[in-house]
Every structure is written in C-alpha cells, then in structure tokens.
Amino acid sequence: MSAQADPYGAMIRQAMSHQQAGRFGDAAKLYTFVLSKQPEHPDALHLRGVLRTQQGMAEGAVEDIEAALRVKPETPPFLYNLGHAYRLAGRTDDAVRAYEHVLRLIPKHPPTLIALARVQEIRGDDDAARGTLDLLPAGAEGPTAVAIRGRLDARAGDPVAVAATLRSAAARVSNDSEAVDLLFTAAQVCDRAGVHEEAATLLGRANRAKGARFDCERFRRGMDRLIEAFDSDHVRELAGAREGGGEGLVYVLGMPRSGTSLVEQILTSHPSVTGGGELTIVPQLESLLESRCPSQAGWPGCLGSVESALPAEIGREGAHLYERAMGRKFGEDALLTDKLPSNFRRVGLIRLLFPRARIVHCIRDAEDTCLSCYMQEFAGGTHPYAYDLKALACYYHQYERIMAFWSNWGFVELHEVRYEELVSEQERVTRALVEGIGLEWDDACLRPQESKRRVATASYAQVREAVHRRSVRRADRYAGMMEDFRAALERERGMSADG
C-alpha cells in the first residue's frame, strides 16, 4: 500500500511519533482506531504489534504481527519484529524460525544475526550462538554482539579474564545509549569476578543510559485505588460468592528477581505441571472486565458496579485463553503455571476470576531483590522503575504494601516461598511447596537444573545451575551504592505509616 493510496498514512505517522516518544497509550489509540476502520491494515497491525512488544504484551504482539504477515507475507521487518515478539513470549523455537526466514530473504543481515544469536544463547545453544556471530560481516560486530560473546565466554571460562575484556570494551564506548547491553553485561561479569567497585560504576552508566522514567506518585495512587476497591463491601461479597474455576492454574508471583523463575522451574520439574512462563493473560482479562463494566469509572473503581455473573463469564473466557495459549486443557491433576511477577497487583482479580487457582508468593530480601533488578536490562519497555534505585524503593514498598493487604483480605490463601530459605534448606522448602499446591512428591523437583524446559526470561542462565546461595546478601558488597535505596525505602515506609 503506497503512502498516497493510504488514507490513514498521516495517522500512522502520528502514532509512530507518539511511540518513539514513549507515549504508548496515545500510539495504541491511533493504531486501534485505524484497525477499527481497516482491520487488515498491515502497517497498523505490525506497528501495534511492535508497540505491544515494547509494553511486554507478548501474546497480543504475536497475534498482531502474524496478522500483518498474512496480508503482506515475506516482509523482512515484519518477520524480524515477529522474532522479537516470539522471544518475549518464550516461544524461542518460533523466534529462531522467524529470524532464519529473514536471513533467507536478506543473507547475513547483521541485526538479524545478532538477534538470532541472542535467542540461541537464551536456549542454551551456546555453540550455535558463537557460530551465528561468526557469520557477521567484518566490522559489523557492535556492542550487543560483544556482550553476547562476553556472556558466552564467562560461562565457559574464567570470568576474571572476561571481565577485563568487557571493561576495556566499555571504556571505548562513546555513546552509552547505544551500548546498554554491553554495559549491563560488563557489570554482571565484573560482579562474578569480584570486581564490585567497577561493577557499580558500570551499573550506573547502564541504568542512566536506559533513560527510563517511572511516575512513583501515579503508582502510589494506583495502589490506593486498588486497596479501596477490593476493600469495599460489594467486592468482598463478589469474592465470597465465587467458588469454582481455575482448578488447574498455579500463579507464581512477587517482585521480579525474587526467585519466581526458580520456583516455576522447580514446579515444572514435576510431571504433572506445565510451565507457562510470563503469560499476560490476567492483564488482558483485567482490561476485558473493565470494558464490560456497567460503570465508566475505570479500573478498579468500576468493580463497584459489577454483578457476580460477569467475573464468572470472564473467568470462563480466561480459561479458554490459557488452553489456547498452551494447546491443552488443565485441571486438578494437570497444572499450568503463570509466572508473570506483576500479577502481585492482581491477586484480588485472580480470586474473582479463578477461585480455585493456587497462588505462590515469592519473597526475597528487599535489598538483594532490588539490586538484582538494577543489575538487569529487562526485555522491551517493561519494568521502567528498575533503572533507578529510588524508583525501585517506591515500587518495592508498594509491592509489600499490596501483598500485606491481600494477606489480610481473607479471600486468598498464599503459599509463601522465601528465597533465602529455599537456597539454604532446599528439600524442606521444596517439599512444602509441592504439597502446598496439592501434588504428590517427585524427586525431580530437587533437580530443577536438569529440566529440559527452556526459560526465556532474564533468569534463563540461573535456572540451568543447581540451587546455590551465591546471591544471598549480595547487596552487602555494594553498600555505598545501596545507601540511596535504603534511605528511599525508609522514606516510603514512613510515608505509609504517617498516612
């Protein structure tokens, strides 16, 4: 479709400007408007899919870009971005096929070779990743490729030597924003090598280069509204009236980097459990419920107008979404995990939609959790709070605040797994976890590192290792850097106490 022939070209360009400026809500409205008028508009589908990838909405991104390719097949940018969406969704086999398709159309395309090597690394195919990087044309191995090679080398050899190489590469960087992956990787390898002062310096550069923005006050107000809505008599009546649904679902939630991936890997080592990874189905159901509320009060205020039939209806639709996403049905003896950490905000919604679902809450020391977030570059535009220690303090306190509310709400039973206890008393805590979700014991749950299941989240490398205690009180090695975090967390807690 030529720009002249496209009546929506100007609107698409405006949406792209919003998207590039980080105004994702404004961009989404424009793309959706175009698609309401022309449902098969390939550029609107493709760009909304890219936007959803940036927002962490993997399933919706895949759906949009696949639809764009049905209209315009063999389009390299569509296939390239579909690979990114597949990777975010944990569908690494599909991501590899998408990138290989691009390379058949554009042989030795450097960005695609680097993206393919990244997915091969995530899959644990380190030799394949090295081979892919070796195909890069001379001079095309930029900072991201150097970062991938650094991670591969650090796992295969001496992290001290690799740390020196990466520090040297980071010192030559002229524009940090173009080398974020390299900076984070250099910091992580320096941490493993015991060069903590240098790691802290690199982390500062990496996180500043992300340029992420997080509105703490808006997030606080959102939690206020959530607590107010679920503490109302009407929502309590709704929760008390719902009894069936969600029998096969196990939600693993908590702060990112709190052990959620490890816990899911332990559970999916059991023959009765399938790992869903970080599914975005509950956020989709939240939006669906809001759209069908009789009230226009928005989420979660509109719950005040909801009758009991609506949560039951949305719960049934949600069960179908899970079955479609995983290609099978689930029940008491065939469980599915959903490991989206941010579902800690949606515990009440999960109770309304899926009363029989199990919920596992992963807890880890606040400083270690937030330091681990600060040391990680997350996929897409997810977790914008993670790149600033004061924003992390705000987010962490609101997390602990809402989890305290759910614990006292009276309508959910949370099985808590404390990371420090899991890594020091693995068998005791694992047996309690397996029993807590209603399964018979299986010894495979003590060997999660042997699972053939692939993990596509930030913890892909850690879950391939046996359970260890190396990360317990890692924050002590960064005492100076963490001073601002401690002070900010104390202020946040003090504000709640005063309020």
Foldseek 3Di string as FASTA:
>chain_A
DDCVVDPCNVLQVVLVVCVVVVVLVSSLVSLVVVCVVVVQPLSSLQVVLLSCQLVLQLVSSLVSLVSSCVVVPLDLVSLQSNLSSCLSQVNLVSSLVSLVSSCVVVPLPLVSLLSNLVSCVLLVVNVVSVVSLVSHPPPSCDLSNLLSVLVSDVVVHPLVVSLVVLVVVVVPDPQLLVRLSSLLSSLVSCVVNVVNVVSLVSLLSNLVSVVFDDDLVVVVVVLVVLLVLCLDPLNLVLLVVDDAAAQQEEEEAEFPPLCLVVLLLLVCLDPQEDESEAHCLLVVLLVVLQVPQPDVPGPPNSSVRDDNVSLQVSLVVSQVVVCVSVVHHGHNRRHYYHYNHVCLSVPSSCSSNGVNYAYEYGGEDLLLSLVVLSSDDWGNNPPSLSSDLLSSLSVNVSSVVSNVSVVPSPNHDYHYDYLQCCLVVVVVRSVCVCVRSPHDDDPSSQVSLPDSRRHSGRCRPVSVDHRHDVSHPSCVSVVVVCPVNVVSNVVNVVVVVVD
